[in-house]
Amino acid sequence: MSALIEDIELCCPYCGGTMELDVDCTAGNQVYYEDCQVCCAPVKFIVTVDDSGNLIDLAARRDDE
């Protein structure tokens, strides 16, 4: 059984600071922006889940990439 919400820690692509995210795996594949909790820069998140709702990949990109 997959988790509905995944708690993830990753590094900000701008400042390298640690960000904590709650990823809703029930929403399917997603692309969204959230401000870094350290430097407030807009980070683009690309979420990939499989058909069962399991998190496959979470990428954090700079807005200008």
Protein backbone atom coordinates (compact mmCIF):
# COMPACT_ATOMS: atom_id res chain seq x y z
CA MET A 1 0.00 0.00 0.00
CA SER A 2 1.35 3.41 -0.93
CA ALA A 3 1.48 6.41 1.36
CA LEU A 4 -1.05 9.13 0.55
CA ILE A 5 1.31 11.88 1.67
CA GLU A 6 5.10 11.51 1.43
CA ASP A 7 7.28 13.61 3.74
CA ILE A 8 10.37 14.55 1.74
CA GLU A 9 13.53 16.52 2.53
CA LEU A 10 15.58 17.90 -0.35
CA CYS A 11 18.03 20.67 -1.16
CA CYS A 12 16.98 23.98 -2.67
CA PRO A 13 18.50 24.37 -6.16
CA TYR A 14 19.22 28.04 -5.39
CA CYS A 15 20.73 28.18 -1.90
CA GLY A 16 21.33 24.51 -1.05
CA GLY A 17 19.25 24.81 2.12
CA THR A 18 17.13 21.91 3.30
CA MET A 19 13.47 22.09 2.34
CA GLU A 20 10.73 19.91 3.80
CA LEU A 21 7.75 19.01 1.61
CA ASP A 22 4.56 17.04 1.98
CA VAL A 23 3.86 15.49 -1.43
CA ASP A 24 0.28 14.39 -2.13
CA CYS A 25 0.72 11.16 -4.13
CA THR A 26 -3.03 10.81 -4.72
CA ALA A 27 -3.00 13.76 -7.15
CA GLY A 28 -0.98 11.91 -9.81
CA ASN A 29 1.89 13.47 -11.74
CA GLN A 30 2.27 17.15 -10.90
CA VAL A 31 4.30 20.24 -11.69
CA TYR A 32 4.02 23.10 -9.23
CA TYR A 33 5.96 25.94 -7.62
CA GLU A 34 6.66 26.51 -3.97
CA ASP A 35 8.96 29.08 -2.36
CA CYS A 36 12.10 27.82 -0.65
CA GLN A 37 11.67 27.91 3.13
CA VAL A 38 15.24 29.26 3.49
CA CYS A 39 15.82 31.81 0.68
CA CYS A 40 12.22 32.32 -0.60
CA ALA A 41 13.18 31.63 -4.24
CA PRO A 42 10.50 30.00 -6.43
CA VAL A 43 11.35 26.29 -6.82
CA LYS A 44 9.70 24.21 -9.54
CA PHE A 45 8.75 20.72 -8.34
CA ILE A 46 8.13 17.86 -10.75
CA VAL A 47 6.37 14.92 -9.08
CA THR A 48 6.10 11.53 -10.79
CA VAL A 49 3.94 8.74 -9.35
CA ASP A 50 2.99 5.33 -10.69
CA ASP A 51 -0.55 4.05 -11.30
CA SER A 52 -0.75 2.80 -7.69
CA GLY A 53 0.11 6.21 -6.23
CA ASN A 54 3.70 5.34 -5.29
CA LEU A 55 6.18 8.20 -5.53
CA ILE A 56 8.69 7.43 -8.29
CA ASP A 57 10.56 10.73 -8.55
CA LEU A 58 10.58 14.23 -7.14
CA ALA A 59 12.74 16.80 -8.92
CA ALA A 60 13.42 20.32 -7.68
CA ARG A 61 14.49 22.79 -10.37
CA ARG A 62 15.34 26.45 -10.54
CA ASP A 63 12.68 28.60 -12.18
CA ASP A 64 15.13 29.53 -14.96
CA GLU A 65 16.03 25.91 -15.89
